[in-house]
Amino acid sequence: MITALYFIGAIIFIISVTAGIFSGSIMVFLTSVVSGVSSAVVLFALAKILENQENILYRLESQEELQRRVQRQEKKVCSKCNNTYEGDYNSCPRCGNRE
């Protein structure tokens, strides 16, 4: 999708410049070039925005996965009964001992 937007923007620019050159009028040429450049800029900006959004989503997913892995690894061992339990508990679920 992003590559297609870049490609379409470049094609629109090339077509507008070519049409302006073959028109024979300087006013039509300038109008054609300005419209082609503005259309290409809009499409390039949209492609860049989509690219940035994909990058942000990828980083968020990576961050969430890392956070899940860290939470799974945090374990506590009860000093009273030697039971291993999740690190987010305040006391041992087997004997109730508070650490």
PDB file of N, CA and C in Angstrom:
ATOM      1  N   MET A   1       0.819  -1.188   0.000  1.00  0.00           N
ATOM      2  CA  MET A   1       0.000   0.000   0.000  1.00  0.00           C
ATOM      3  C   MET A   1       0.871   1.264   0.000  1.00  0.00           C
ATOM      4  N   ILE A   2       1.878   1.263   0.844  1.00  0.00           N
ATOM      5  CA  ILE A   2       2.756   2.435   0.941  1.00  0.00           C
ATOM      6  C   ILE A   2       3.541   2.618  -0.354  1.00  0.00           C
ATOM      7  N   THR A   3       4.073   1.535  -0.867  1.00  0.00           N
ATOM      8  CA  THR A   3       4.828   1.602  -2.117  1.00  0.00           C
ATOM      9  C   THR A   3       3.930   2.068  -3.255  1.00  0.00           C
ATOM     10  N   ALA A   4       2.687   1.615  -3.240  1.00  0.00           N
ATOM     11  CA  ALA A   4       1.741   2.024  -4.288  1.00  0.00           C
ATOM     12  C   ALA A   4       1.486   3.534  -4.237  1.00  0.00           C
ATOM     13  N   LEU A   5       1.401   4.096  -3.041  1.00  0.00           N
ATOM     14  CA  LEU A   5       1.192   5.547  -2.927  1.00  0.00           C
ATOM     15  C   LEU A   5       2.388   6.324  -3.469  1.00  0.00           C
ATOM     16  N   TYR A   6       3.603   5.867  -3.145  1.00  0.00           N
ATOM     17  CA  TYR A   6       4.798   6.513  -3.699  1.00  0.00           C
ATOM     18  C   TYR A   6       4.805   6.404  -5.226  1.00  0.00           C
ATOM     19  N   PHE A   7       4.484   5.241  -5.729  1.00  0.00           N
ATOM     20  CA  PHE A   7       4.479   4.990  -7.171  1.00  0.00           C
ATOM     21  C   PHE A   7       3.434   5.864  -7.872  1.00  0.00           C
ATOM     22  N   ILE A   8       2.231   5.907  -7.338  1.00  0.00           N
ATOM     23  CA  ILE A   8       1.165   6.706  -7.940  1.00  0.00           C
ATOM     24  C   ILE A   8       1.519   8.195  -7.912  1.00  0.00           C
ATOM     25  N   GLY A   9       2.107   8.653  -6.807  1.00  0.00           N
ATOM     26  CA  GLY A   9       2.532  10.048  -6.718  1.00  0.00           C
ATOM     27  C   GLY A   9       3.564  10.395  -7.772  1.00  0.00           C
ATOM     28  N   ALA A  10       4.536   9.503  -7.982  1.00  0.00           N
ATOM     29  CA  ALA A  10       5.561   9.739  -9.002  1.00  0.00           C
ATOM     30  C   ALA A  10       4.953   9.734 -10.396  1.00  0.00           C
ATOM     31  N   ILE A  11       4.048   8.806 -10.661  1.00  0.00           N
ATOM     32  CA  ILE A  11       3.393   8.731 -11.973  1.00  0.00           C
ATOM     33  C   ILE A  11       2.578   9.998 -12.238  1.00  0.00           C
ATOM     34  N   ILE A  12       1.830  10.453 -11.236  1.00  0.00           N
ATOM     35  CA  ILE A  12       1.026  11.676 -11.409  1.00  0.00           C
ATOM     36  C   ILE A  12       1.935  12.859 -11.727  1.00  0.00           C
ATOM     37  N   PHE A  13       3.051  12.968 -11.029  1.00  0.00           N
ATOM     38  CA  PHE A  13       3.982  14.064 -11.284  1.00  0.00           C
ATOM     39  C   PHE A  13       4.534  13.998 -12.708  1.00  0.00           C
ATOM     40  N   ILE A  14       4.949  12.816 -13.127  1.00  0.00           N
ATOM     41  CA  ILE A  14       5.515  12.652 -14.479  1.00  0.00           C
ATOM     42  C   ILE A  14       4.474  12.972 -15.546  1.00  0.00           C
ATOM     43  N   ILE A  15       3.257  12.487 -15.350  1.00  0.00           N
ATOM     44  CA  ILE A  15       2.196  12.746 -16.327  1.00  0.00           C
ATOM     45  C   ILE A  15       1.864  14.235 -16.396  1.00  0.00           C
ATOM     46  N   SER A  16       1.808  14.902 -15.269  1.00  0.00           N
ATOM     47  CA  SER A  16       1.460  16.327 -15.281  1.00  0.00           C
ATOM     48  C   SER A  16       2.551  17.162 -15.955  1.00  0.00           C
ATOM     49  N   VAL A  17       3.809  16.835 -15.696  1.00  0.00           N
ATOM     50  CA  VAL A  17       4.902  17.574 -16.349  1.00  0.00           C
ATOM     51  C   VAL A  17       4.893  17.308 -17.851  1.00  0.00           C
ATOM     52  N   THR A  18       4.687  16.057 -18.233  1.00  0.00           N
ATOM     53  CA  THR A  18       4.647  15.705 -19.650  1.00  0.00           C
ATOM     54  C   THR A  18       3.476  16.404 -20.350  1.00  0.00           C
ATOM     55  N   ALA A  19       2.327  16.407 -19.725  1.00  0.00           N
ATOM     56  CA  ALA A  19       1.163  17.077 -20.315  1.00  0.00           C
ATOM     57  C   ALA A  19       1.399  18.574 -20.432  1.00  0.00           C
ATOM     58  N   GLY A  20       2.064  19.152 -19.432  1.00  0.00           N
ATOM     59  CA  GLY A  20       2.370  20.576 -19.475  1.00  0.00           C
ATOM     60  C   GLY A  20       3.338  20.920 -20.593  1.00  0.00           C
ATOM     61  N   ILE A  21       4.331  20.067 -20.802  1.00  0.00           N
ATOM     62  CA  ILE A  21       5.321  20.305 -21.863  1.00  0.00           C
ATOM     63  C   ILE A  21       4.656  20.254 -23.240  1.00  0.00           C
ATOM     64  N   PHE A  22       3.807  19.264 -23.453  1.00  0.00           N
ATOM     65  CA  PHE A  22       3.182  19.096 -24.766  1.00  0.00           C
ATOM     66  C   PHE A  22       1.989  20.038 -24.997  1.00  0.00           C
ATOM     67  N   SER A  23       1.610  20.793 -23.987  1.00  0.00           N
ATOM     68  CA  SER A  23       0.467  21.705 -24.168  1.00  0.00           C
ATOM     69  C   SER A  23       0.835  22.899 -25.048  1.00  0.00           C
ATOM     70  N   GLY A  24       2.079  23.328 -24.979  1.00  0.00           N
ATOM     71  CA  GLY A  24       2.510  24.454 -25.802  1.00  0.00           C
ATOM     72  C   GLY A  24       2.264  25.809 -25.166  1.00  0.00           C
ATOM     73  N   SER A  25       1.606  25.856 -24.051  1.00  0.00           N
ATOM     74  CA  SER A  25       1.317  27.120 -23.383  1.00  0.00           C
ATOM     75  C   SER A  25       2.048  27.157 -22.045  1.00  0.00           C
ATOM     76  N   ILE A  26       2.665  28.269 -21.744  1.00  0.00           N
ATOM     77  CA  ILE A  26       3.397  28.391 -20.486  1.00  0.00           C
ATOM     78  C   ILE A  26       2.450  28.376 -19.293  1.00  0.00           C
ATOM     79  N   MET A  27       1.257  28.955 -19.456  1.00  0.00           N
ATOM     80  CA  MET A  27       0.283  28.989 -18.366  1.00  0.00           C
ATOM     81  C   MET A  27      -0.232  27.586 -18.051  1.00  0.00           C
ATOM     82  N   VAL A  28      -0.529  26.813 -19.084  1.00  0.00           N
ATOM     83  CA  VAL A  28      -0.984  25.429 -18.889  1.00  0.00           C
ATOM     84  C   VAL A  28       0.150  24.595 -18.300  1.00  0.00           C
ATOM     85  N   PHE A  29       1.361  24.838 -18.750  1.00  0.00           N
ATOM     86  CA  PHE A  29       2.516  24.116 -18.213  1.00  0.00           C
ATOM     87  C   PHE A  29       2.670  24.371 -16.713  1.00  0.00           C
ATOM     88  N   LEU A  30       2.630  25.635 -16.311  1.00  0.00           N
ATOM     89  CA  LEU A  30       2.782  25.980 -14.894  1.00  0.00           C
ATOM     90  C   LEU A  30       1.642  25.408 -14.053  1.00  0.00           C
ATOM     91  N   THR A  31       0.434  25.508 -14.555  1.00  0.00           N
ATOM     92  CA  THR A  31      -0.716  24.954 -13.839  1.00  0.00           C
ATOM     93  C   THR A  31      -0.591  23.443 -13.695  1.00  0.00           C
ATOM     94  N   SER A  32      -0.179  22.806 -14.751  1.00  0.00           N
ATOM     95  CA  SER A  32      -0.018  21.358 -14.746  1.00  0.00           C
ATOM     96  C   SER A  32       1.072  20.926 -13.773  1.00  0.00           C
ATOM     97  N   VAL A  33       2.192  21.613 -13.774  1.00  0.00           N
ATOM     98  CA  VAL A  33       3.297  21.262 -12.876  1.00  0.00           C
ATOM     99  C   VAL A  33       2.901  21.496 -11.421  1.00  0.00           C
ATOM    100  N   VAL A  34       2.258  22.607 -11.133  1.00  0.00           N
ATOM    101  CA  VAL A  34       1.843  22.906  -9.760  1.00  0.00           C
ATOM    102  C   VAL A  34       0.839  21.866  -9.261  1.00  0.00           C
ATOM    103  N   SER A  35      -0.119  21.520 -10.103  1.00  0.00           N
ATOM    104  CA  SER A  35      -1.099  20.518  -9.677  1.00  0.00           C
ATOM    105  C   SER A  35      -0.455  19.143  -9.521  1.00  0.00           C
ATOM    106  N   GLY A  36       0.469  18.805 -10.390  1.00  0.00           N
ATOM    107  CA  GLY A  36       1.164  17.527 -10.281  1.00  0.00           C
ATOM    108  C   GLY A  36       2.029  17.448  -9.039  1.00  0.00           C
ATOM    109  N   VAL A  37       2.738  18.532  -8.746  1.00  0.00           N
ATOM    110  CA  VAL A  37       3.583  18.562  -7.547  1.00  0.00           C
ATOM    111  C   VAL A  37       2.728  18.490  -6.291  1.00  0.00           C
ATOM    112  N   SER A  38       1.652  19.238  -6.256  1.00  0.00           N
ATOM    113  CA  SER A  38       0.807  19.225  -5.056  1.00  0.00           C
ATOM    114  C   SER A  38       0.170  17.849  -4.848  1.00  0.00           C
ATOM    115  N   SER A  39      -0.273  17.217  -5.920  1.00  0.00           N
ATOM    116  CA  SER A  39      -0.845  15.872  -5.797  1.00  0.00           C
ATOM    117  C   SER A  39       0.209  14.872  -5.322  1.00  0.00           C
ATOM    118  N   ALA A  40       1.402  14.965  -5.878  1.00  0.00           N
ATOM    119  CA  ALA A  40       2.484  14.061  -5.485  1.00  0.00           C
ATOM    120  C   ALA A  40       2.872  14.271  -4.027  1.00  0.00           C
ATOM    121  N   VAL A  41       2.935  15.512  -3.588  1.00  0.00           N
ATOM    122  CA  VAL A  41       3.288  15.803  -2.192  1.00  0.00           C
ATOM    123  C   VAL A  41       2.249  15.224  -1.239  1.00  0.00           C
ATOM    124  N   VAL A  42       0.978  15.369  -1.588  1.00  0.00           N
ATOM    125  CA  VAL A  42      -0.085  14.816  -0.743  1.00  0.00           C
ATOM    126  C   VAL A  42       0.042  13.295  -0.655  1.00  0.00           C
ATOM    127  N   LEU A  43       0.264  12.646  -1.770  1.00  0.00           N
ATOM    128  CA  LEU A  43       0.393  11.185  -1.760  1.00  0.00           C
ATOM    129  C   LEU A  43       1.651  10.735  -1.019  1.00  0.00           C
ATOM    130  N   PHE A  44       2.764  11.443  -1.202  1.00  0.00           N
ATOM    131  CA  PHE A  44       3.993  11.100  -0.487  1.00  0.00           C
ATOM    132  C   PHE A  44       3.816  11.294   1.019  1.00  0.00           C
ATOM    133  N   ALA A  45       3.133  12.369   1.409  1.00  0.00           N
ATOM    134  CA  ALA A  45       2.885  12.616   2.831  1.00  0.00           C
ATOM    135  C   ALA A  45       1.991  11.536   3.427  1.00  0.00           C
ATOM    136  N   LEU A  46       0.972  11.139   2.692  1.00  0.00           N
ATOM    137  CA  LEU A  46       0.093  10.067   3.162  1.00  0.00           C
ATOM    138  C   LEU A  46       0.869   8.761   3.315  1.00  0.00           C
ATOM    139  N   ALA A  47       1.731   8.457   2.373  1.00  0.00           N
ATOM    140  CA  ALA A  47       2.540   7.249   2.467  1.00  0.00           C
ATOM    141  C   ALA A  47       3.465   7.300   3.689  1.00  0.00           C
ATOM    142  N   LYS A  48       4.049   8.460   3.949  1.00  0.00           N
ATOM    143  CA  LYS A  48       4.936   8.617   5.102  1.00  0.00           C
ATOM    144  C   LYS A  48       4.171   8.468   6.409  1.00  0.00           C
ATOM    145  N   ILE A  49       2.956   9.017   6.461  1.00  0.00           N
ATOM    146  CA  ILE A  49       2.121   8.878   7.655  1.00  0.00           C
ATOM    147  C   ILE A  49       1.799   7.413   7.907  1.00  0.00           C
ATOM    148  N   LEU A  50       1.419   6.692   6.867  1.00  0.00           N
ATOM    149  CA  LEU A  50       1.120   5.263   7.017  1.00  0.00           C
ATOM    150  C   LEU A  50       2.358   4.482   7.443  1.00  0.00           C
ATOM    151  N   GLU A  51       3.504   4.843   6.903  1.00  0.00           N
ATOM    152  CA  GLU A  51       4.760   4.204   7.278  1.00  0.00           C
ATOM    153  C   GLU A  51       5.054   4.418   8.760  1.00  0.00           C
ATOM    154  N   ASN A  52       4.867   5.643   9.229  1.00  0.00           N
ATOM    155  CA  ASN A  52       5.095   5.955  10.638  1.00  0.00           C
ATOM    156  C   ASN A  52       4.114   5.213  11.540  1.00  0.00           C
ATOM    157  N   GLN A  53       2.866   5.112  11.122  1.00  0.00           N
ATOM    158  CA  GLN A  53       1.877   4.384  11.915  1.00  0.00           C
ATOM    159  C   GLN A  53       2.234   2.911  12.029  1.00  0.00           C
ATOM    160  N   GLU A  54       2.674   2.305  10.946  1.00  0.00           N
ATOM    161  CA  GLU A  54       3.089   0.901  10.996  1.00  0.00           C
ATOM    162  C   GLU A  54       4.284   0.725  11.924  1.00  0.00           C
ATOM    163  N   ASN A  55       5.209   1.663  11.880  1.00  0.00           N
ATOM    164  CA  ASN A  55       6.383   1.604  12.755  1.00  0.00           C
ATOM    165  C   ASN A  55       5.974   1.722  14.222  1.00  0.00           C
ATOM    166  N   ILE A  56       5.046   2.633  14.524  1.00  0.00           N
ATOM    167  CA  ILE A  56       4.574   2.808  15.897  1.00  0.00           C
ATOM    168  C   ILE A  56       3.860   1.551  16.378  1.00  0.00           C
ATOM    169  N   LEU A  57       2.996   0.984  15.542  1.00  0.00           N
ATOM    170  CA  LEU A  57       2.286  -0.246  15.924  1.00  0.00           C
ATOM    171  C   LEU A  57       3.251  -1.397  16.161  1.00  0.00           C
ATOM    172  N   TYR A  58       4.271  -1.512  15.327  1.00  0.00           N
ATOM    173  CA  TYR A  58       5.264  -2.569  15.510  1.00  0.00           C
ATOM    174  C   TYR A  58       5.996  -2.396  16.841  1.00  0.00           C
ATOM    175  N   ARG A  59       6.384  -1.178  17.146  1.00  0.00           N
ATOM    176  CA  ARG A  59       7.093  -0.929  18.407  1.00  0.00           C
ATOM    177  C   ARG A  59       6.203  -1.179  19.619  1.00  0.00           C
ATOM    178  N   LEU A  60       4.920  -0.805  19.528  1.00  0.00           N
ATOM    179  CA  LEU A  60       3.998  -1.073  20.628  1.00  0.00           C
ATOM    180  C   LEU A  60       3.811  -2.569  20.857  1.00  0.00           C
ATOM    181  N   GLU A  61       3.667  -3.321  19.775  1.00  0.00           N
ATOM    182  CA  GLU A  61       3.522  -4.767  19.899  1.00  0.00           C
ATOM    183  C   GLU A  61       4.775  -5.389  20.486  1.00  0.00           C
ATOM    184  N   SER A  62       5.943  -4.908  20.084  1.00  0.00           N
ATOM    185  CA  SER A  62       7.202  -5.412  20.638  1.00  0.00           C
ATOM    186  C   SER A  62       7.298  -5.093  22.122  1.00  0.00           C
ATOM    187  N   GLN A  63       6.896  -3.895  22.497  1.00  0.00           N
ATOM    188  CA  GLN A  63       6.924  -3.474  23.902  1.00  0.00           C
ATOM    189  C   GLN A  63       5.983  -4.337  24.739  1.00  0.00           C
ATOM    190  N   GLU A  64       4.778  -4.595  24.223  1.00  0.00           N
ATOM    191  CA  GLU A  64       3.813  -5.416  24.948  1.00  0.00           C
ATOM    192  C   GLU A  64       4.324  -6.845  25.106  1.00  0.00           C
ATOM    193  N   GLU A  65       4.931  -7.387  24.070  1.00  0.00           N
ATOM    194  CA  GLU A  65       5.477  -8.744  24.140  1.00  0.00           C
ATOM    195  C   GLU A  65       6.605  -8.813  25.164  1.00  0.00           C
ATOM    196  N   LEU A  66       7.473  -7.828  25.169  1.00  0.00           N
ATOM    197  CA  LEU A  66       8.560  -7.778  26.144  1.00  0.00           C
ATOM    198  C   LEU A  66       8.004  -7.685  27.560  1.00  0.00           C
ATOM    199  N   GLN A  67       6.976  -6.879  27.744  1.00  0.00           N
ATOM    200  CA  GLN A  67       6.358  -6.736  29.062  1.00  0.00           C
ATOM    201  C   GLN A  67       5.727  -8.049  29.514  1.00  0.00           C
ATOM    202  N   ARG A  68       5.076  -8.773  28.605  1.00  0.00           N
ATOM    203  CA  ARG A  68       4.491 -10.073  28.960  1.00  0.00           C
ATOM    204  C   ARG A  68       5.576 -11.072  29.365  1.00  0.00           C
ATOM    205  N   ARG A  69       6.697 -11.066  28.628  1.00  0.00           N
ATOM    206  CA  ARG A  69       7.794 -11.977  28.977  1.00  0.00           C
ATOM    207  C   ARG A  69       8.376 -11.658  30.343  1.00  0.00           C
ATOM    208  N   VAL A  70       8.525 -10.383  30.643  1.00  0.00           N
ATOM    209  CA  VAL A  70       9.080  -9.984  31.940  1.00  0.00           C
ATOM    210  C   VAL A  70       8.125 -10.377  33.057  1.00  0.00           C
ATOM    211  N   GLN A  71       6.833 -10.183  32.850  1.00  0.00           N
ATOM    212  CA  GLN A  71       5.857 -10.538  33.883  1.00  0.00           C
ATOM    213  C   GLN A  71       5.828 -12.039  34.128  1.00  0.00           C
ATOM    214  N   ARG A  72       6.010 -12.835  33.091  1.00  0.00           N
ATOM    215  CA  ARG A  72       6.026 -14.284  33.262  1.00  0.00           C
ATOM    216  C   ARG A  72       7.261 -14.745  34.023  1.00  0.00           C
ATOM    217  N   GLN A  73       8.355 -14.014  33.900  1.00  0.00           N
ATOM    218  CA  GLN A  73       9.602 -14.430  34.527  1.00  0.00           C
ATOM    219  C   GLN A  73       9.689 -14.040  36.002  1.00  0.00           C
ATOM    220  N   GLU A  74       8.944 -13.032  36.433  1.00  0.00           N
ATOM    221  CA  GLU A  74       9.017 -12.584  37.813  1.00  0.00           C
ATOM    222  C   GLU A  74       8.305 -13.586  38.721  1.00  0.00           C
ATOM    223  N   LYS A  75       9.080 -14.339  39.478  1.00  0.00           N
ATOM    224  CA  LYS A  75       8.550 -15.319  40.421  1.00  0.00           C
ATOM    225  C   LYS A  75       9.154 -15.051  41.788  1.00  0.00           C
ATOM    226  N   LYS A  76       8.381 -15.362  42.830  1.00  0.00           N
ATOM    227  CA  LYS A  76       8.864 -15.270  44.202  1.00  0.00           C
ATOM    228  C   LYS A  76       8.874 -16.668  44.798  1.00  0.00           C
ATOM    229  N   VAL A  77       9.772 -16.855  45.761  1.00  0.00           N
ATOM    230  CA  VAL A  77       9.840 -18.119  46.483  1.00  0.00           C
ATOM    231  C   VAL A  77       9.540 -17.807  47.942  1.00  0.00           C
ATOM    232  N   CYS A  78       8.563 -18.510  48.498  1.00  0.00           N
ATOM    233  CA  CYS A  78       8.166 -18.307  49.885  1.00  0.00           C
ATOM    234  C   CYS A  78       9.266 -18.814  50.813  1.00  0.00           C
ATOM    235  N   SER A  79       9.625 -17.975  51.783  1.00  0.00           N
ATOM    236  CA  SER A  79      10.682 -18.368  52.724  1.00  0.00           C
ATOM    237  C   SER A  79      10.184 -19.376  53.756  1.00  0.00           C
ATOM    238  N   LYS A  80       8.881 -19.501  53.911  1.00  0.00           N
ATOM    239  CA  LYS A  80       8.311 -20.412  54.911  1.00  0.00           C
ATOM    240  C   LYS A  80       8.060 -21.819  54.338  1.00  0.00           C
ATOM    241  N   CYS A  81       7.384 -21.888  53.160  1.00  0.00           N
ATOM    242  CA  CYS A  81       7.024 -23.199  52.610  1.00  0.00           C
ATOM    243  C   CYS A  81       7.763 -23.548  51.328  1.00  0.00           C
ATOM    244  N   ASN A  82       8.604 -22.641  50.847  1.00  0.00           N
ATOM    245  CA  ASN A  82       9.414 -22.857  49.642  1.00  0.00           C
ATOM    246  C   ASN A  82       8.577 -22.982  48.358  1.00  0.00           C
ATOM    247  N   ASN A  83       7.379 -22.449  48.379  1.00  0.00           N
ATOM    248  CA  ASN A  83       6.493 -22.462  47.206  1.00  0.00           C
ATOM    249  C   ASN A  83       6.903 -21.334  46.250  1.00  0.00           C
ATOM    250  N   THR A  84       6.880 -21.622  44.949  1.00  0.00           N
ATOM    251  CA  THR A  84       7.152 -20.606  43.935  1.00  0.00           C
ATOM    252  C   THR A  84       5.815 -20.065  43.445  1.00  0.00           C
ATOM    253  N   TYR A  85       5.708 -18.732  43.419  1.00  0.00           N
ATOM    254  CA  TYR A  85       4.456 -18.107  42.988  1.00  0.00           C
ATOM    255  C   TYR A  85       4.751 -16.815  42.228  1.00  0.00           C
ATOM    256  N   GLU A  86       3.697 -16.281  41.590  1.00  0.00           N
ATOM    257  CA  GLU A  86       3.822 -15.078  40.769  1.00  0.00           C
ATOM    258  C   GLU A  86       4.328 -13.906  41.602  1.00  0.00           C
ATOM    259  N   GLY A  87       5.126 -13.063  40.962  1.00  0.00           N
ATOM    260  CA  GLY A  87       5.731 -11.934  41.651  1.00  0.00           C
ATOM    261  C   GLY A  87       4.770 -10.817  41.999  1.00  0.00           C
ATOM    262  N   ASP A  88       3.561 -10.810  41.415  1.00  0.00           N
ATOM    263  CA  ASP A  88       2.636  -9.719  41.716  1.00  0.00           C
ATOM    264  C   ASP A  88       1.758  -9.999  42.939  1.00  0.00           C
ATOM    265  N   TYR A  89       1.866 -11.191  43.546  1.00  0.00           N
ATOM    266  CA  TYR A  89       1.142 -11.492  44.782  1.00  0.00           C
ATOM    267  C   TYR A  89       1.872 -10.871  45.965  1.00  0.00           C
ATOM    268  N   ASN A  90       1.100 -10.452  46.975  1.00  0.00           N
ATOM    269  CA  ASN A  90       1.690  -9.875  48.178  1.00  0.00           C
ATOM    270  C   ASN A  90       2.040 -10.936  49.214  1.00  0.00           C
ATOM    271  N   SER A  91       1.388 -12.083  49.133  1.00  0.00           N
ATOM    272  CA  SER A  91       1.664 -13.161  50.081  1.00  0.00           C
ATOM    273  C   SER A  91       1.624 -14.494  49.356  1.00  0.00           C
ATOM    274  N   CYS A  92       2.154 -15.508  49.965  1.00  0.00           N
ATOM    275  CA  CYS A  92       2.200 -16.860  49.379  1.00  0.00           C
ATOM    276  C   CYS A  92       0.779 -17.414  49.290  1.00  0.00           C
ATOM    277  N   PRO A  93       0.371 -17.895  48.127  1.00  0.00           N
ATOM    278  CA  PRO A  93      -0.983 -18.440  47.985  1.00  0.00           C
ATOM    279  C   PRO A  93      -1.169 -19.784  48.716  1.00  0.00           C
ATOM    280  N   ARG A  94      -0.062 -20.473  49.039  1.00  0.00           N
ATOM    281  CA  ARG A  94      -0.183 -21.768  49.721  1.00  0.00           C
ATOM    282  C   ARG A  94      -0.307 -21.588  51.232  1.00  0.00           C
ATOM    283  N   CYS A  95       0.611 -20.815  51.825  1.00  0.00           N
ATOM    284  CA  CYS A  95       0.606 -20.722  53.301  1.00  0.00           C
ATOM    285  C   CYS A  95       0.206 -19.338  53.828  1.00  0.00           C
ATOM    286  N   GLY A  96       0.138 -18.333  52.973  1.00  0.00           N
ATOM    287  CA  GLY A  96      -0.276 -17.010  53.406  1.00  0.00           C
ATOM    288  C   GLY A  96       0.844 -16.150  53.987  1.00  0.00           C
ATOM    289  N   ASN A  97       2.064 -16.637  53.965  1.00  0.00           N
ATOM    290  CA  ASN A  97       3.194 -15.890  54.511  1.00  0.00           C
ATOM    291  C   ASN A  97       3.438 -14.630  53.679  1.00  0.00           C
ATOM    292  N   ARG A  98       3.609 -13.489  54.379  1.00  0.00           N
ATOM    293  CA  ARG A  98       3.882 -12.221  53.695  1.00  0.00           C
ATOM    294  C   ARG A  98       5.391 -11.970  53.683  1.00  0.00           C
ATOM    295  N   GLU A  99       5.883 -11.584  52.532  1.00  0.00           N
ATOM    296  CA  GLU A  99       7.316 -11.315  52.381  1.00  0.00           C
ATOM    297  C   GLU A  99       7.564  -9.836  52.461  1.00  0.00           C
TER     298      GLU A  99
END
